Amino acid sequence: MAQRIAMVTGGMGGLGESISTKMADAGYKVVVTYSPSNTKYRSWLDEMKSKGHSFAAYPVDVADFEDCATKVAQMTKAVGPIDILVNNAGITRDMTFKKMTKADWDAVMHTNLDSCFNMTKQVMDGMSERSWGRVINVSSVNGQKGAFGQTNYSAAKAGIHGFTKALALEVARKNVTVNTISPGYIGTKMVTAIPKEILDTKILPQIPVNRLGKPDEVAGLIIYLCSEEAAFVTGANISINGGQHMY
């Protein structure tokens, strides 16, 4: 079997880095996208290369449909057709609804939700024609239960699963699966930078397993969903939150 090609949006840093490196370790050829405003992408690529990982990387504005179309066409020409898409890119603009502006709302909706359409649209026809594909959309526990100060983020993340379910129905007979994962608090650099007192008194008490999730645990779930063994899993929203929210 030819080596599968996986694309991870927002693949540099944080959860995206763990997803990208673990997928590469699992034998996939990994292409990462990063924000065009990211000025540190070369140092990241050099760091990854020093650790034995060589990634193709493209600056993509995932909120811009035309940019997505152009860059995915370039990727396909350079590395081959995309077999696996992990829609991981996302941002936050946290504040109460009273203080939230239309620009704050739009930025999060465009980057977190519209991006799923913008990127998936570029690869879905090819997956269907080849009768094999995997799309994994990264949502959030806060898309399931809501969060104070995150009306924009929670709405976008909830919308992701509606997108997943409908698309999964459309492409199931083409041997293409579409699934959502909803992580809780994961020990990325951003989360671990929260003051210890806040982690210990406000965050960990919400999590029955009494710890943060590990990025590699999330990446491991994604690798399962990409596998042949997961071919019967589609339209699902899989929680990975340490029991913080059960439904």
C-alpha atoms as a PDB file:
ATOM      1  CA  MET A   1       0.000   0.000   0.000  1.00  0.00           C
ATOM      2  CA  ALA A   2       1.271   3.467  -0.866  1.00  0.00           C
ATOM      3  CA  GLN A   3       2.116   5.774   2.006  1.00  0.00           C
ATOM      4  CA  ARG A   4      -0.946   7.751   3.071  1.00  0.00           C
ATOM      5  CA  ILE A   5      -0.650  11.538   2.969  1.00  0.00           C
ATOM      6  CA  ALA A   6      -2.103  13.483   5.901  1.00  0.00           C
ATOM      7  CA  MET A   7      -2.625  17.212   6.182  1.00  0.00           C
ATOM      8  CA  VAL A   8      -2.864  18.846   9.611  1.00  0.00           C
ATOM      9  CA  THR A   9      -4.092  22.432   9.722  1.00  0.00           C
ATOM     10  CA  GLY A  10      -2.545  24.512  12.461  1.00  0.00           C
ATOM     11  CA  GLY A  11       0.101  21.820  12.653  1.00  0.00           C
ATOM     12  CA  MET A  12       2.827  23.899  14.275  1.00  0.00           C
ATOM     13  CA  GLY A  13       2.920  24.167  18.047  1.00  0.00           C
ATOM     14  CA  GLY A  14       0.482  23.083  20.725  1.00  0.00           C
ATOM     15  CA  LEU A  15      -1.830  20.206  19.968  1.00  0.00           C
ATOM     16  CA  GLY A  16      -1.109  20.436  16.243  1.00  0.00           C
ATOM     17  CA  GLU A  17       2.556  19.652  16.791  1.00  0.00           C
ATOM     18  CA  SER A  18       1.754  16.502  18.748  1.00  0.00           C
ATOM     19  CA  ILE A  19      -0.715  15.390  16.092  1.00  0.00           C
ATOM     20  CA  SER A  20       1.794  16.004  13.295  1.00  0.00           C
ATOM     21  CA  THR A  21       4.746  14.286  14.952  1.00  0.00           C
ATOM     22  CA  LYS A  22       2.771  11.277  16.165  1.00  0.00           C
ATOM     23  CA  MET A  23       1.240  10.793  12.714  1.00  0.00           C
ATOM     24  CA  ALA A  24       4.688  10.960  11.164  1.00  0.00           C
ATOM     25  CA  ASP A  25       5.895   8.378  13.689  1.00  0.00           C
ATOM     26  CA  ALA A  26       2.964   6.175  12.659  1.00  0.00           C
ATOM     27  CA  GLY A  27       4.185   6.167   9.065  1.00  0.00           C
ATOM     28  CA  TYR A  28       2.099   8.856   7.438  1.00  0.00           C
ATOM     29  CA  LYS A  29       3.570  11.509   5.173  1.00  0.00           C
ATOM     30  CA  VAL A  30       2.503  14.690   6.934  1.00  0.00           C
ATOM     31  CA  VAL A  31       1.868  18.119   5.478  1.00  0.00           C
ATOM     32  CA  VAL A  32       1.275  20.934   7.967  1.00  0.00           C
ATOM     33  CA  THR A  33      -0.313  24.306   7.462  1.00  0.00           C
ATOM     34  CA  TYR A  34       0.487  27.379   9.484  1.00  0.00           C
ATOM     35  CA  SER A  35      -0.822  30.916   9.728  1.00  0.00           C
ATOM     36  CA  PRO A  36       0.695  33.318   7.178  1.00  0.00           C
ATOM     37  CA  SER A  37       1.454  35.622  10.129  1.00  0.00           C
ATOM     38  CA  ASN A  38       3.646  32.965  11.778  1.00  0.00           C
ATOM     39  CA  THR A  39       7.206  34.295  11.550  1.00  0.00           C
ATOM     40  CA  LYS A  40       8.720  31.369  13.465  1.00  0.00           C
ATOM     41  CA  TYR A  41       7.863  28.614  11.034  1.00  0.00           C
ATOM     42  CA  ARG A  42      11.445  28.127   9.822  1.00  0.00           C
ATOM     43  CA  SER A  43      12.799  27.651  13.332  1.00  0.00           C
ATOM     44  CA  TRP A  44       9.989  25.170  14.028  1.00  0.00           C
ATOM     45  CA  LEU A  45      10.802  23.182  10.899  1.00  0.00           C
ATOM     46  CA  ASP A  46      14.497  23.190  11.837  1.00  0.00           C
ATOM     47  CA  GLU A  47      13.653  22.007  15.356  1.00  0.00           C
ATOM     48  CA  MET A  48      11.491  19.215  14.006  1.00  0.00           C
ATOM     49  CA  LYS A  49      14.200  18.193  11.539  1.00  0.00           C
ATOM     50  CA  SER A  50      16.709  17.959  14.400  1.00  0.00           C
ATOM     51  CA  LYS A  51      14.300  15.529  16.061  1.00  0.00           C
ATOM     52  CA  GLY A  52      14.024  13.384  12.952  1.00  0.00           C
ATOM     53  CA  HIS A  53      10.813  14.787  11.471  1.00  0.00           C
ATOM     54  CA  SER A  54      10.707  16.345   8.033  1.00  0.00           C
ATOM     55  CA  PHE A  55       7.445  18.069   7.166  1.00  0.00           C
ATOM     56  CA  ALA A  56       6.168  19.808   4.073  1.00  0.00           C
ATOM     57  CA  ALA A  57       4.724  23.111   5.331  1.00  0.00           C
ATOM     58  CA  TYR A  58       2.497  25.710   3.703  1.00  0.00           C
ATOM     59  CA  PRO A  59       1.226  29.083   4.919  1.00  0.00           C
ATOM     60  CA  VAL A  60      -2.557  28.964   4.599  1.00  0.00           C
ATOM     61  CA  ASP A  61      -5.223  31.400   5.704  1.00  0.00           C
ATOM     62  CA  VAL A  62      -7.810  28.758   6.556  1.00  0.00           C
ATOM     63  CA  ALA A  63     -10.484  31.462   6.821  1.00  0.00           C
ATOM     64  CA  ASP A  64      -9.988  32.368   3.143  1.00  0.00           C
ATOM     65  CA  PHE A  65     -11.537  29.925   0.681  1.00  0.00           C
ATOM     66  CA  GLU A  66      -9.471  31.037  -2.312  1.00  0.00           C
ATOM     67  CA  ASP A  67      -6.213  30.783  -0.391  1.00  0.00           C
ATOM     68  CA  CYS A  68      -7.160  27.271   0.732  1.00  0.00           C
ATOM     69  CA  ALA A  69      -7.908  26.269  -2.855  1.00  0.00           C
ATOM     70  CA  THR A  70      -4.620  27.672  -4.147  1.00  0.00           C
ATOM     71  CA  LYS A  71      -2.437  26.165  -1.433  1.00  0.00           C
ATOM     72  CA  VAL A  72      -4.035  22.713  -1.474  1.00  0.00           C
ATOM     73  CA  ALA A  73      -3.555  22.609  -5.248  1.00  0.00           C
ATOM     74  CA  GLN A  74       0.133  23.383  -4.668  1.00  0.00           C
ATOM     75  CA  MET A  75       0.374  20.670  -1.999  1.00  0.00           C
ATOM     76  CA  THR A  76      -1.276  18.084  -4.210  1.00  0.00           C
ATOM     77  CA  LYS A  77       1.081  18.862  -7.066  1.00  0.00           C
ATOM     78  CA  ALA A  78       4.138  18.689  -4.811  1.00  0.00           C
ATOM     79  CA  VAL A  79       3.395  15.752  -2.496  1.00  0.00           C
ATOM     80  CA  GLY A  80       0.364  13.977  -3.929  1.00  0.00           C
ATOM     81  CA  PRO A  81      -3.366  13.766  -3.153  1.00  0.00           C
ATOM     82  CA  ILE A  82      -4.462  14.216   0.450  1.00  0.00           C
ATOM     83  CA  ASP A  83      -5.845  11.035   2.027  1.00  0.00           C
ATOM     84  CA  ILE A  84      -6.353  12.343   5.566  1.00  0.00           C
ATOM     85  CA  LEU A  85      -7.381  15.810   6.687  1.00  0.00           C
ATOM     86  CA  VAL A  86      -7.183  16.919  10.305  1.00  0.00           C
ATOM     87  CA  ASN A  87      -9.017  20.228  10.725  1.00  0.00           C
ATOM     88  CA  ASN A  88      -7.180  21.437  13.820  1.00  0.00           C
ATOM     89  CA  ALA A  89      -6.609  25.161  13.187  1.00  0.00           C
ATOM     90  CA  GLY A  90      -8.392  27.455  15.603  1.00  0.00           C
ATOM     91  CA  ILE A  91      -8.228  30.672  17.581  1.00  0.00           C
ATOM     92  CA  THR A  92      -9.929  32.228  20.597  1.00  0.00           C
ATOM     93  CA  ARG A  93     -11.236  35.727  21.252  1.00  0.00           C
ATOM     94  CA  ASP A  94     -12.553  35.185  24.765  1.00  0.00           C
ATOM     95  CA  MET A  95     -14.742  37.776  26.442  1.00  0.00           C
ATOM     96  CA  THR A  96     -18.285  38.100  27.698  1.00  0.00           C
ATOM     97  CA  PHE A  97     -21.001  38.513  25.107  1.00  0.00           C
ATOM     98  CA  LYS A  98     -21.625  42.043  26.405  1.00  0.00           C
ATOM     99  CA  LYS A  99     -18.096  43.057  25.405  1.00  0.00           C
ATOM    100  CA  MET A 100     -17.858  40.961  22.234  1.00  0.00           C
ATOM    101  CA  THR A 101     -17.750  42.813  18.933  1.00  0.00           C
ATOM    102  CA  LYS A 102     -18.858  41.585  15.540  1.00  0.00           C
ATOM    103  CA  ALA A 103     -15.183  41.402  14.570  1.00  0.00           C
ATOM    104  CA  ASP A 104     -14.473  39.120  17.548  1.00  0.00           C
ATOM    105  CA  TRP A 105     -17.364  36.880  16.552  1.00  0.00           C
ATOM    106  CA  ASP A 106     -16.418  36.793  12.869  1.00  0.00           C
ATOM    107  CA  ALA A 107     -12.738  36.055  13.477  1.00  0.00           C
ATOM    108  CA  VAL A 108     -13.517  32.944  15.513  1.00  0.00           C
ATOM    109  CA  MET A 109     -16.316  31.710  13.266  1.00  0.00           C
ATOM    110  CA  HIS A 110     -14.251  32.161  10.102  1.00  0.00           C
ATOM    111  CA  THR A 111     -11.108  30.503  11.493  1.00  0.00           C
ATOM    112  CA  ASN A 112     -12.696  27.728  13.539  1.00  0.00           C
ATOM    113  CA  LEU A 113     -15.818  26.783  11.558  1.00  0.00           C
ATOM    114  CA  ASP A 114     -15.586  28.178   8.031  1.00  0.00           C
ATOM    115  CA  SER A 115     -12.119  26.614   7.795  1.00  0.00           C
ATOM    116  CA  CYS A 116     -13.652  23.146   7.981  1.00  0.00           C
ATOM    117  CA  PHE A 117     -15.613  23.864   4.814  1.00  0.00           C
ATOM    118  CA  ASN A 118     -12.738  25.717   3.150  1.00  0.00           C
ATOM    119  CA  MET A 119     -10.215  22.920   3.616  1.00  0.00           C
ATOM    120  CA  THR A 120     -12.482  19.878   3.332  1.00  0.00           C
ATOM    121  CA  LYS A 121     -13.929  21.185   0.074  1.00  0.00           C
ATOM    122  CA  GLN A 122     -10.480  20.997  -1.527  1.00  0.00           C
ATOM    123  CA  VAL A 123      -9.901  17.296  -0.754  1.00  0.00           C
ATOM    124  CA  MET A 124     -13.290  15.596  -0.544  1.00  0.00           C
ATOM    125  CA  ASP A 125     -13.850  14.971  -4.258  1.00  0.00           C
ATOM    126  CA  GLY A 126     -10.462  13.270  -4.502  1.00  0.00           C
ATOM    127  CA  MET A 127     -11.125  11.095  -1.462  1.00  0.00           C
ATOM    128  CA  SER A 128     -14.501  10.052  -2.865  1.00  0.00           C
ATOM    129  CA  GLU A 129     -13.054   9.273  -6.298  1.00  0.00           C
ATOM    130  CA  ARG A 130     -10.328   7.106  -4.734  1.00  0.00           C
ATOM    131  CA  SER A 131     -12.892   5.453  -2.397  1.00  0.00           C
ATOM    132  CA  TRP A 132     -10.810   6.128   0.711  1.00  0.00           C
ATOM    133  CA  GLY A 133     -10.457   9.082   3.015  1.00  0.00           C
ATOM    134  CA  ARG A 134     -10.470  10.291   6.586  1.00  0.00           C
ATOM    135  CA  VAL A 135     -11.548  13.684   7.901  1.00  0.00           C
ATOM    136  CA  ILE A 136     -11.098  14.418  11.599  1.00  0.00           C
ATOM    137  CA  ASN A 137     -12.471  17.712  12.889  1.00  0.00           C
ATOM    138  CA  VAL A 138     -11.099  18.993  16.195  1.00  0.00           C
ATOM    139  CA  SER A 139     -13.877  20.512  18.299  1.00  0.00           C
ATOM    140  CA  SER A 140     -13.844  21.084  22.070  1.00  0.00           C
ATOM    141  CA  VAL A 141     -15.573  20.127  25.293  1.00  0.00           C
ATOM    142  CA  ASN A 142     -16.776  23.729  25.328  1.00  0.00           C
ATOM    143  CA  GLY A 143     -18.660  23.110  22.109  1.00  0.00           C
ATOM    144  CA  GLN A 144     -20.598  20.450  24.032  1.00  0.00           C
ATOM    145  CA  LYS A 145     -21.251  22.198  27.349  1.00  0.00           C
ATOM    146  CA  GLY A 146     -20.594  25.888  26.671  1.00  0.00           C
ATOM    147  CA  ALA A 147     -18.152  28.106  28.547  1.00  0.00           C
ATOM    148  CA  PHE A 148     -18.407  31.509  30.175  1.00  0.00           C
ATOM    149  CA  GLY A 149     -16.881  34.136  27.897  1.00  0.00           C
ATOM    150  CA  GLN A 150     -16.842  31.881  24.832  1.00  0.00           C
ATOM    151  CA  THR A 151     -20.092  32.362  22.953  1.00  0.00           C
ATOM    152  CA  ASN A 152     -18.151  32.670  19.693  1.00  0.00           C
ATOM    153  CA  TYR A 153     -15.801  29.750  20.351  1.00  0.00           C
ATOM    154  CA  SER A 154     -18.499  27.444  21.749  1.00  0.00           C
ATOM    155  CA  ALA A 155     -20.816  28.193  18.822  1.00  0.00           C
ATOM    156  CA  ALA A 156     -18.091  27.508  16.271  1.00  0.00           C
ATOM    157  CA  LYS A 157     -17.008  24.291  17.959  1.00  0.00           C
ATOM    158  CA  ALA A 158     -20.600  23.065  18.254  1.00  0.00           C
ATOM    159  CA  GLY A 159     -21.138  23.842  14.587  1.00  0.00           C
ATOM    160  CA  ILE A 160     -18.205  21.637  13.664  1.00  0.00           C
ATOM    161  CA  HIS A 161     -20.052  18.522  14.747  1.00  0.00           C
ATOM    162  CA  GLY A 162     -23.165  19.433  12.769  1.00  0.00           C
ATOM    163  CA  PHE A 163     -20.876  19.717   9.741  1.00  0.00           C
ATOM    164  CA  THR A 164     -19.338  16.339  10.586  1.00  0.00           C
ATOM    165  CA  LYS A 165     -22.631  14.471  10.870  1.00  0.00           C
ATOM    166  CA  ALA A 166     -24.122  15.769   7.646  1.00  0.00           C
ATOM    167  CA  LEU A 167     -20.980  15.221   5.583  1.00  0.00           C
ATOM    168  CA  ALA A 168     -20.477  11.751   7.053  1.00  0.00           C
ATOM    169  CA  LEU A 169     -23.899  10.751   5.708  1.00  0.00           C
ATOM    170  CA  GLU A 170     -23.070  12.014   2.245  1.00  0.00           C
ATOM    171  CA  VAL A 171     -19.746  10.218   1.793  1.00  0.00           C
ATOM    172  CA  ALA A 172     -20.185   7.023   3.832  1.00  0.00           C
ATOM    173  CA  ARG A 173     -20.682   4.809   0.781  1.00  0.00           C
ATOM    174  CA  LYS A 174     -17.446   6.146  -0.696  1.00  0.00           C
ATOM    175  CA  ASN A 175     -15.440   4.615   2.181  1.00  0.00           C
ATOM    176  CA  VAL A 176     -14.710   8.106   3.507  1.00  0.00           C
ATOM    177  CA  THR A 177     -15.238   8.656   7.224  1.00  0.00           C
ATOM    178  CA  VAL A 178     -15.815  12.004   8.906  1.00  0.00           C
ATOM    179  CA  ASN A 179     -15.548  12.322  12.667  1.00  0.00           C
ATOM    180  CA  THR A 180     -15.249  14.912  15.409  1.00  0.00           C
ATOM    181  CA  ILE A 181     -13.089  14.758  18.501  1.00  0.00           C
ATOM    182  CA  SER A 182     -13.799  17.024  21.473  1.00  0.00           C
ATOM    183  CA  PRO A 183     -10.789  17.469  23.763  1.00  0.00           C
ATOM    184  CA  GLY A 184     -11.012  18.935  27.239  1.00  0.00           C
ATOM    185  CA  TYR A 185      -8.135  20.638  29.021  1.00  0.00           C
ATOM    186  CA  ILE A 186      -4.943  19.351  27.383  1.00  0.00           C
ATOM    187  CA  GLY A 187      -1.444  20.019  28.685  1.00  0.00           C
ATOM    188  CA  THR A 188      -0.228  22.203  25.856  1.00  0.00           C
ATOM    189  CA  LYS A 189       2.167  25.071  26.506  1.00  0.00           C
ATOM    190  CA  MET A 190      -0.755  27.491  26.548  1.00  0.00           C
ATOM    191  CA  VAL A 191      -2.643  25.568  29.238  1.00  0.00           C
ATOM    192  CA  THR A 192       0.381  24.726  31.376  1.00  0.00           C
ATOM    193  CA  ALA A 193       1.261  28.436  31.413  1.00  0.00           C
ATOM    194  CA  ILE A 194      -1.867  29.056  33.509  1.00  0.00           C
ATOM    195  CA  PRO A 195      -0.830  29.854  37.106  1.00  0.00           C
ATOM    196  CA  LYS A 196      -0.618  26.698  39.214  1.00  0.00           C
ATOM    197  CA  GLU A 197      -3.088  28.070  41.739  1.00  0.00           C
ATOM    198  CA  ILE A 198      -5.715  28.502  39.021  1.00  0.00           C
ATOM    199  CA  LEU A 199      -5.024  25.021  37.647  1.00  0.00           C
ATOM    200  CA  ASP A 200      -5.238  23.436  41.089  1.00  0.00           C
ATOM    201  CA  THR A 201      -8.312  25.281  42.355  1.00  0.00           C
ATOM    202  CA  LYS A 202     -10.376  26.082  39.256  1.00  0.00           C
ATOM    203  CA  ILE A 203      -9.534  23.629  36.479  1.00  0.00           C
ATOM    204  CA  LEU A 204      -8.414  20.258  37.860  1.00  0.00           C
ATOM    205  CA  PRO A 205     -11.415  19.983  40.252  1.00  0.00           C
ATOM    206  CA  GLN A 206     -13.635  19.895  37.136  1.00  0.00           C
ATOM    207  CA  ILE A 207     -11.797  16.837  35.790  1.00  0.00           C
ATOM    208  CA  PRO A 208     -12.594  13.507  37.473  1.00  0.00           C
ATOM    209  CA  VAL A 209      -9.246  11.935  36.526  1.00  0.00           C
ATOM    210  CA  ASN A 210      -7.624  14.933  38.282  1.00  0.00           C
ATOM    211  CA  ARG A 211      -5.079  15.803  35.627  1.00  0.00           C
ATOM    212  CA  LEU A 212      -4.703  17.501  32.295  1.00  0.00           C
ATOM    213  CA  GLY A 213      -4.880  15.418  29.167  1.00  0.00           C
ATOM    214  CA  LYS A 214      -1.703  14.677  27.267  1.00  0.00           C
ATOM    215  CA  PRO A 215      -1.361  15.948  23.686  1.00  0.00           C
ATOM    216  CA  ASP A 216      -0.155  12.496  22.653  1.00  0.00           C
ATOM    217  CA  GLU A 217      -3.393  10.999  23.978  1.00  0.00           C
ATOM    218  CA  VAL A 218      -5.379  13.195  21.613  1.00  0.00           C
ATOM    219  CA  ALA A 219      -2.996  12.416  18.765  1.00  0.00           C
ATOM    220  CA  GLY A 220      -3.388   8.701  19.500  1.00  0.00           C
ATOM    221  CA  LEU A 221      -7.148   8.974  19.131  1.00  0.00           C
ATOM    222  CA  ILE A 222      -6.713  10.704  15.794  1.00  0.00           C
ATOM    223  CA  ILE A 223      -4.360   7.978  14.598  1.00  0.00           C
ATOM    224  CA  TYR A 224      -6.981   5.368  15.471  1.00  0.00           C
ATOM    225  CA  LEU A 225      -9.629   7.265  13.507  1.00  0.00           C
ATOM    226  CA  CYS A 226      -7.277   7.318  10.511  1.00  0.00           C
ATOM    227  CA  SER A 227      -6.754   3.563  10.592  1.00  0.00           C
ATOM    228  CA  GLU A 228      -8.406   0.757   8.676  1.00  0.00           C
ATOM    229  CA  GLU A 229      -9.747  -0.550  11.996  1.00  0.00           C
ATOM    230  CA  ALA A 230     -11.837   2.621  12.343  1.00  0.00           C
ATOM    231  CA  ALA A 231     -13.595   2.243   8.996  1.00  0.00           C
ATOM    232  CA  PHE A 232     -16.941   1.611  10.749  1.00  0.00           C
ATOM    233  CA  VAL A 233     -16.685   4.793  12.831  1.00  0.00           C
ATOM    234  CA  THR A 234     -18.190   7.790  11.107  1.00  0.00           C
ATOM    235  CA  GLY A 235     -20.327  10.760  12.129  1.00  0.00           C
ATOM    236  CA  ALA A 236     -19.138  10.328  15.718  1.00  0.00           C
ATOM    237  CA  ASN A 237     -18.141  12.943  18.262  1.00  0.00           C
ATOM    238  CA  ILE A 238     -15.610  11.329  20.565  1.00  0.00           C
ATOM    239  CA  SER A 239     -14.984  13.078  23.871  1.00  0.00           C
ATOM    240  CA  ILE A 240     -11.486  13.010  25.304  1.00  0.00           C
ATOM    241  CA  ASN A 241     -11.813  15.115  28.441  1.00  0.00           C
ATOM    242  CA  GLY A 242     -11.019  12.965  31.469  1.00  0.00           C
ATOM    243  CA  GLY A 243     -14.689  12.752  32.406  1.00  0.00           C
ATOM    244  CA  GLN A 244     -15.168  16.521  32.638  1.00  0.00           C
ATOM    245  CA  HIS A 245     -18.334  16.343  30.571  1.00  0.00           C
ATOM    246  CA  MET A 246     -20.332  13.178  29.914  1.00  0.00           C
ATOM    247  CA  TYR A 247     -23.424  12.897  27.768  1.00  0.00           C
END
